[in-house]
Amino acid sequence: MSEILEKAVAAINDKMAEATFDSSVKFKIEDEGSIVVDSDGVRISDEETDCTLIASLDVFTKILDGDMNATEAYMTGSLKVEGSMSAAMELSSLLA
């Protein structure tokens, strides 16, 4: 497994420690793999979800570190959203 993905899973778990998330979202990180966030937690996976967020490793890292707002990334085309926009917005608010 990718060390980058393992670190990302840990970081997202930390940010969502007390949160409840009923949707399912996949982060598809170009040239790295995918992470799924749903009611069961956060894990490295490529399963089907309500929403898929697609970004480069650089953009994903900036969003996770708080250096870039997910909405800003989406509006500039750095982050692509496929599927449920409401699931994406719900997750974005939890990770902010």
N, C-alpha and C. Protein backbone atom coordinates (compact mmCIF):
# COMPACT_ATOMS: atom_id res chain seq x y z
N MET A 1 0.83 -1.20 0.00
CA MET A 1 0.00 0.00 0.00
C MET A 1 0.87 1.25 0.00
N SER A 2 0.32 2.27 -0.56
CA SER A 2 1.04 3.53 -0.66
C SER A 2 1.15 4.21 0.71
N GLU A 3 2.36 4.62 1.04
CA GLU A 3 2.60 5.34 2.29
C GLU A 3 1.82 6.66 2.30
N ILE A 4 1.71 7.28 1.14
CA ILE A 4 0.97 8.53 1.01
C ILE A 4 -0.50 8.31 1.36
N LEU A 5 -1.09 7.23 0.83
CA LEU A 5 -2.49 6.94 1.11
C LEU A 5 -2.69 6.59 2.58
N GLU A 6 -1.77 5.84 3.16
CA GLU A 6 -1.87 5.48 4.58
C GLU A 6 -1.84 6.72 5.46
N LYS A 7 -0.96 7.67 5.14
CA LYS A 7 -0.89 8.92 5.91
C LYS A 7 -2.17 9.73 5.73
N ALA A 8 -2.72 9.73 4.52
CA ALA A 8 -3.96 10.47 4.25
C ALA A 8 -5.12 9.86 5.03
N VAL A 9 -5.20 8.55 5.08
CA VAL A 9 -6.26 7.88 5.85
C VAL A 9 -6.16 8.29 7.32
N ALA A 10 -4.95 8.27 7.87
CA ALA A 10 -4.75 8.66 9.27
C ALA A 10 -5.16 10.12 9.50
N ALA A 11 -4.79 11.00 8.59
CA ALA A 11 -5.12 12.42 8.73
C ALA A 11 -6.63 12.65 8.66
N ILE A 12 -7.30 11.98 7.75
CA ILE A 12 -8.76 12.13 7.63
C ILE A 12 -9.44 11.54 8.86
N ASN A 13 -8.97 10.40 9.34
CA ASN A 13 -9.52 9.81 10.56
C ASN A 13 -9.41 10.78 11.73
N ASP A 14 -8.27 11.44 11.86
CA ASP A 14 -8.08 12.42 12.94
C ASP A 14 -9.08 13.56 12.84
N LYS A 15 -9.28 14.08 11.63
CA LYS A 15 -10.19 15.21 11.43
C LYS A 15 -11.64 14.82 11.66
N MET A 16 -11.97 13.55 11.45
CA MET A 16 -13.35 13.10 11.55
C MET A 16 -13.62 12.31 12.83
N ALA A 17 -12.73 12.39 13.80
CA ALA A 17 -12.81 11.56 15.01
C ALA A 17 -14.18 11.58 15.69
N GLU A 18 -14.80 12.74 15.79
CA GLU A 18 -16.08 12.85 16.49
C GLU A 18 -17.25 13.04 15.53
N ALA A 19 -17.01 12.96 14.24
CA ALA A 19 -18.04 13.28 13.25
C ALA A 19 -18.87 12.06 12.86
N THR A 20 -20.09 12.34 12.44
CA THR A 20 -20.95 11.32 11.86
C THR A 20 -21.11 11.66 10.38
N PHE A 21 -20.88 10.67 9.53
CA PHE A 21 -20.95 10.89 8.09
C PHE A 21 -21.75 9.76 7.48
N ASP A 22 -22.93 10.07 6.94
CA ASP A 22 -23.83 9.04 6.44
C ASP A 22 -23.72 8.78 4.94
N SER A 23 -23.02 9.63 4.22
CA SER A 23 -22.84 9.45 2.77
C SER A 23 -21.58 8.63 2.53
N SER A 24 -21.23 8.45 1.27
CA SER A 24 -19.96 7.80 0.93
C SER A 24 -19.28 8.61 -0.15
N VAL A 25 -17.99 8.90 0.09
CA VAL A 25 -17.20 9.70 -0.84
C VAL A 25 -15.86 9.01 -1.07
N LYS A 26 -15.43 9.03 -2.32
CA LYS A 26 -14.12 8.49 -2.67
C LYS A 26 -13.22 9.63 -3.12
N PHE A 27 -12.02 9.69 -2.53
CA PHE A 27 -10.97 10.59 -3.01
C PHE A 27 -10.14 9.78 -4.00
N LYS A 28 -10.16 10.17 -5.26
CA LYS A 28 -9.33 9.52 -6.26
C LYS A 28 -8.14 10.43 -6.51
N ILE A 29 -6.98 10.00 -6.00
CA ILE A 29 -5.77 10.81 -6.10
C ILE A 29 -4.98 10.31 -7.30
N GLU A 30 -4.82 11.18 -8.28
CA GLU A 30 -4.18 10.80 -9.53
C GLU A 30 -2.81 10.20 -9.28
N ASP A 31 -2.52 9.07 -9.91
CA ASP A 31 -1.25 8.34 -9.85
C ASP A 31 -0.95 7.76 -8.47
N GLU A 32 -1.93 7.75 -7.53
CA GLU A 32 -1.70 7.20 -6.19
C GLU A 32 -2.70 6.11 -5.84
N GLY A 33 -3.98 6.37 -6.04
CA GLY A 33 -5.01 5.42 -5.65
C GLY A 33 -6.21 6.14 -5.08
N SER A 34 -7.03 5.40 -4.33
CA SER A 34 -8.28 5.97 -3.84
C SER A 34 -8.49 5.68 -2.36
N ILE A 35 -9.18 6.62 -1.71
CA ILE A 35 -9.55 6.51 -0.30
C ILE A 35 -11.06 6.68 -0.23
N VAL A 36 -11.72 5.83 0.53
CA VAL A 36 -13.17 5.92 0.71
C VAL A 36 -13.47 6.38 2.13
N VAL A 37 -14.42 7.31 2.23
CA VAL A 37 -14.92 7.80 3.51
C VAL A 37 -16.42 7.52 3.53
N ASP A 38 -16.89 6.78 4.54
CA ASP A 38 -18.32 6.51 4.68
C ASP A 38 -18.65 6.26 6.15
N SER A 39 -19.83 5.76 6.42
CA SER A 39 -20.25 5.55 7.81
C SER A 39 -19.41 4.50 8.53
N ASP A 40 -18.69 3.67 7.78
CA ASP A 40 -17.81 2.66 8.37
C ASP A 40 -16.42 3.20 8.68
N GLY A 41 -16.12 4.43 8.24
CA GLY A 41 -14.82 5.02 8.51
C GLY A 41 -14.08 5.42 7.24
N VAL A 42 -12.76 5.40 7.33
CA VAL A 42 -11.88 5.82 6.23
C VAL A 42 -10.95 4.67 5.91
N ARG A 43 -10.79 4.36 4.63
CA ARG A 43 -9.92 3.24 4.24
C ARG A 43 -9.44 3.41 2.80
N ILE A 44 -8.37 2.74 2.49
CA ILE A 44 -7.89 2.69 1.11
C ILE A 44 -8.77 1.70 0.37
N SER A 45 -9.45 2.19 -0.65
CA SER A 45 -10.39 1.34 -1.40
C SER A 45 -10.76 2.05 -2.69
N ASP A 46 -11.29 1.28 -3.64
CA ASP A 46 -11.75 1.85 -4.90
C ASP A 46 -13.21 1.46 -5.16
N GLU A 47 -13.95 1.19 -4.07
CA GLU A 47 -15.34 0.76 -4.22
C GLU A 47 -16.24 1.91 -4.69
N GLU A 48 -17.44 1.57 -5.11
CA GLU A 48 -18.41 2.56 -5.57
C GLU A 48 -18.88 3.41 -4.40
N THR A 49 -19.07 4.71 -4.65
CA THR A 49 -19.52 5.64 -3.62
C THR A 49 -20.56 6.60 -4.20
N ASP A 50 -21.19 7.38 -3.31
CA ASP A 50 -22.17 8.39 -3.75
C ASP A 50 -21.50 9.49 -4.57
N CYS A 51 -20.23 9.75 -4.25
CA CYS A 51 -19.51 10.86 -4.87
C CYS A 51 -18.03 10.50 -5.00
N THR A 52 -17.42 10.95 -6.08
CA THR A 52 -15.98 10.78 -6.26
C THR A 52 -15.34 12.14 -6.47
N LEU A 53 -14.30 12.42 -5.67
CA LEU A 53 -13.53 13.66 -5.79
C LEU A 53 -12.20 13.30 -6.43
N ILE A 54 -11.85 13.95 -7.52
CA ILE A 54 -10.65 13.63 -8.27
C ILE A 54 -9.71 14.83 -8.27
N ALA A 55 -8.47 14.59 -7.82
CA ALA A 55 -7.48 15.67 -7.77
C ALA A 55 -6.08 15.09 -7.84
N SER A 56 -5.13 15.96 -8.11
CA SER A 56 -3.72 15.56 -8.07
C SER A 56 -3.31 15.41 -6.60
N LEU A 57 -2.19 14.77 -6.38
CA LEU A 57 -1.67 14.62 -5.02
C LEU A 57 -1.43 15.99 -4.39
N ASP A 58 -0.89 16.92 -5.17
CA ASP A 58 -0.60 18.26 -4.66
C ASP A 58 -1.87 18.96 -4.17
N VAL A 59 -2.92 18.93 -4.98
CA VAL A 59 -4.18 19.58 -4.61
C VAL A 59 -4.80 18.88 -3.41
N PHE A 60 -4.82 17.56 -3.42
CA PHE A 60 -5.38 16.79 -2.31
C PHE A 60 -4.65 17.13 -1.00
N THR A 61 -3.33 17.19 -1.05
CA THR A 61 -2.53 17.51 0.13
C THR A 61 -2.83 18.91 0.63
N LYS A 62 -2.96 19.87 -0.27
CA LYS A 62 -3.27 21.25 0.13
C LYS A 62 -4.65 21.33 0.78
N ILE A 63 -5.61 20.61 0.26
CA ILE A 63 -6.95 20.61 0.85
C ILE A 63 -6.90 19.99 2.25
N LEU A 64 -6.24 18.86 2.37
CA LEU A 64 -6.14 18.16 3.64
C LEU A 64 -5.39 18.97 4.69
N ASP A 65 -4.36 19.69 4.26
CA ASP A 65 -3.57 20.51 5.19
C ASP A 65 -4.23 21.85 5.52
N GLY A 66 -5.33 22.16 4.82
CA GLY A 66 -6.01 23.43 5.06
C GLY A 66 -5.41 24.60 4.30
N ASP A 67 -4.49 24.32 3.37
CA ASP A 67 -3.86 25.37 2.58
C ASP A 67 -4.70 25.77 1.37
N MET A 68 -5.71 24.95 1.05
CA MET A 68 -6.60 25.24 -0.07
C MET A 68 -8.01 24.82 0.33
N ASN A 69 -8.97 25.65 0.02
CA ASN A 69 -10.36 25.35 0.28
C ASN A 69 -10.88 24.43 -0.83
N ALA A 70 -11.63 23.41 -0.47
CA ALA A 70 -12.14 22.47 -1.48
C ALA A 70 -13.04 23.17 -2.50
N THR A 71 -13.82 24.13 -2.04
CA THR A 71 -14.69 24.87 -2.96
C THR A 71 -13.86 25.67 -3.95
N GLU A 72 -12.79 26.29 -3.46
CA GLU A 72 -11.88 27.03 -4.34
C GLU A 72 -11.24 26.10 -5.36
N ALA A 73 -10.82 24.92 -4.91
CA ALA A 73 -10.21 23.94 -5.81
C ALA A 73 -11.20 23.51 -6.89
N TYR A 74 -12.45 23.31 -6.50
CA TYR A 74 -13.49 22.93 -7.45
C TYR A 74 -13.75 24.05 -8.47
N MET A 75 -13.86 25.26 -7.97
CA MET A 75 -14.17 26.41 -8.84
C MET A 75 -13.04 26.69 -9.84
N THR A 76 -11.80 26.38 -9.48
CA THR A 76 -10.67 26.61 -10.38
C THR A 76 -10.38 25.41 -11.27
N GLY A 77 -11.15 24.32 -11.09
CA GLY A 77 -10.96 23.14 -11.91
C GLY A 77 -9.88 22.19 -11.41
N SER A 78 -9.30 22.48 -10.25
CA SER A 78 -8.26 21.61 -9.69
C SER A 78 -8.84 20.37 -9.03
N LEU A 79 -10.13 20.44 -8.67
CA LEU A 79 -10.84 19.32 -8.04
C LEU A 79 -12.08 19.03 -8.86
N LYS A 80 -12.21 17.79 -9.30
CA LYS A 80 -13.38 17.39 -10.07
C LYS A 80 -14.31 16.60 -9.16
N VAL A 81 -15.62 16.81 -9.32
CA VAL A 81 -16.61 16.11 -8.52
C VAL A 81 -17.52 15.33 -9.45
N GLU A 82 -17.65 14.03 -9.18
CA GLU A 82 -18.57 13.18 -9.94
C GLU A 82 -19.57 12.60 -8.95
N GLY A 83 -20.85 12.75 -9.23
CA GLY A 83 -21.87 12.20 -8.34
C GLY A 83 -22.48 13.27 -7.45
N SER A 84 -22.82 12.88 -6.24
CA SER A 84 -23.57 13.73 -5.31
C SER A 84 -22.77 14.91 -4.80
N MET A 85 -23.17 16.10 -5.24
CA MET A 85 -22.52 17.32 -4.78
C MET A 85 -22.80 17.54 -3.29
N SER A 86 -23.97 17.14 -2.81
CA SER A 86 -24.29 17.34 -1.40
C SER A 86 -23.39 16.49 -0.51
N ALA A 87 -23.04 15.27 -0.92
CA ALA A 87 -22.11 14.43 -0.16
C ALA A 87 -20.74 15.08 -0.12
N ALA A 88 -20.31 15.65 -1.25
CA ALA A 88 -19.01 16.33 -1.30
C ALA A 88 -18.98 17.53 -0.36
N MET A 89 -20.07 18.30 -0.35
CA MET A 89 -20.11 19.48 0.52
C MET A 89 -20.17 19.08 1.99
N GLU A 90 -20.88 18.02 2.30
CA GLU A 90 -20.96 17.54 3.69
C GLU A 90 -19.57 17.13 4.18
N LEU A 91 -18.84 16.38 3.37
CA LEU A 91 -17.50 15.95 3.75
C LEU A 91 -16.56 17.14 3.85
N SER A 92 -16.67 18.07 2.93
CA SER A 92 -15.82 19.26 2.95
C SER A 92 -15.98 20.03 4.25
N SER A 93 -17.22 20.16 4.71
CA SER A 93 -17.45 20.89 5.96
C SER A 93 -16.87 20.15 7.16
N LEU A 94 -16.85 18.83 7.12
CA LEU A 94 -16.28 18.04 8.22
C LEU A 94 -14.76 18.13 8.25
N LEU A 95 -14.15 18.25 7.09
CA LEU A 95 -12.69 18.29 7.01
C LEU A 95 -12.11 19.69 7.17
N ALA A 96 -12.96 20.70 7.10
CA ALA A 96 -12.47 22.10 7.20
C ALA A 96 -11.90 22.42 8.56
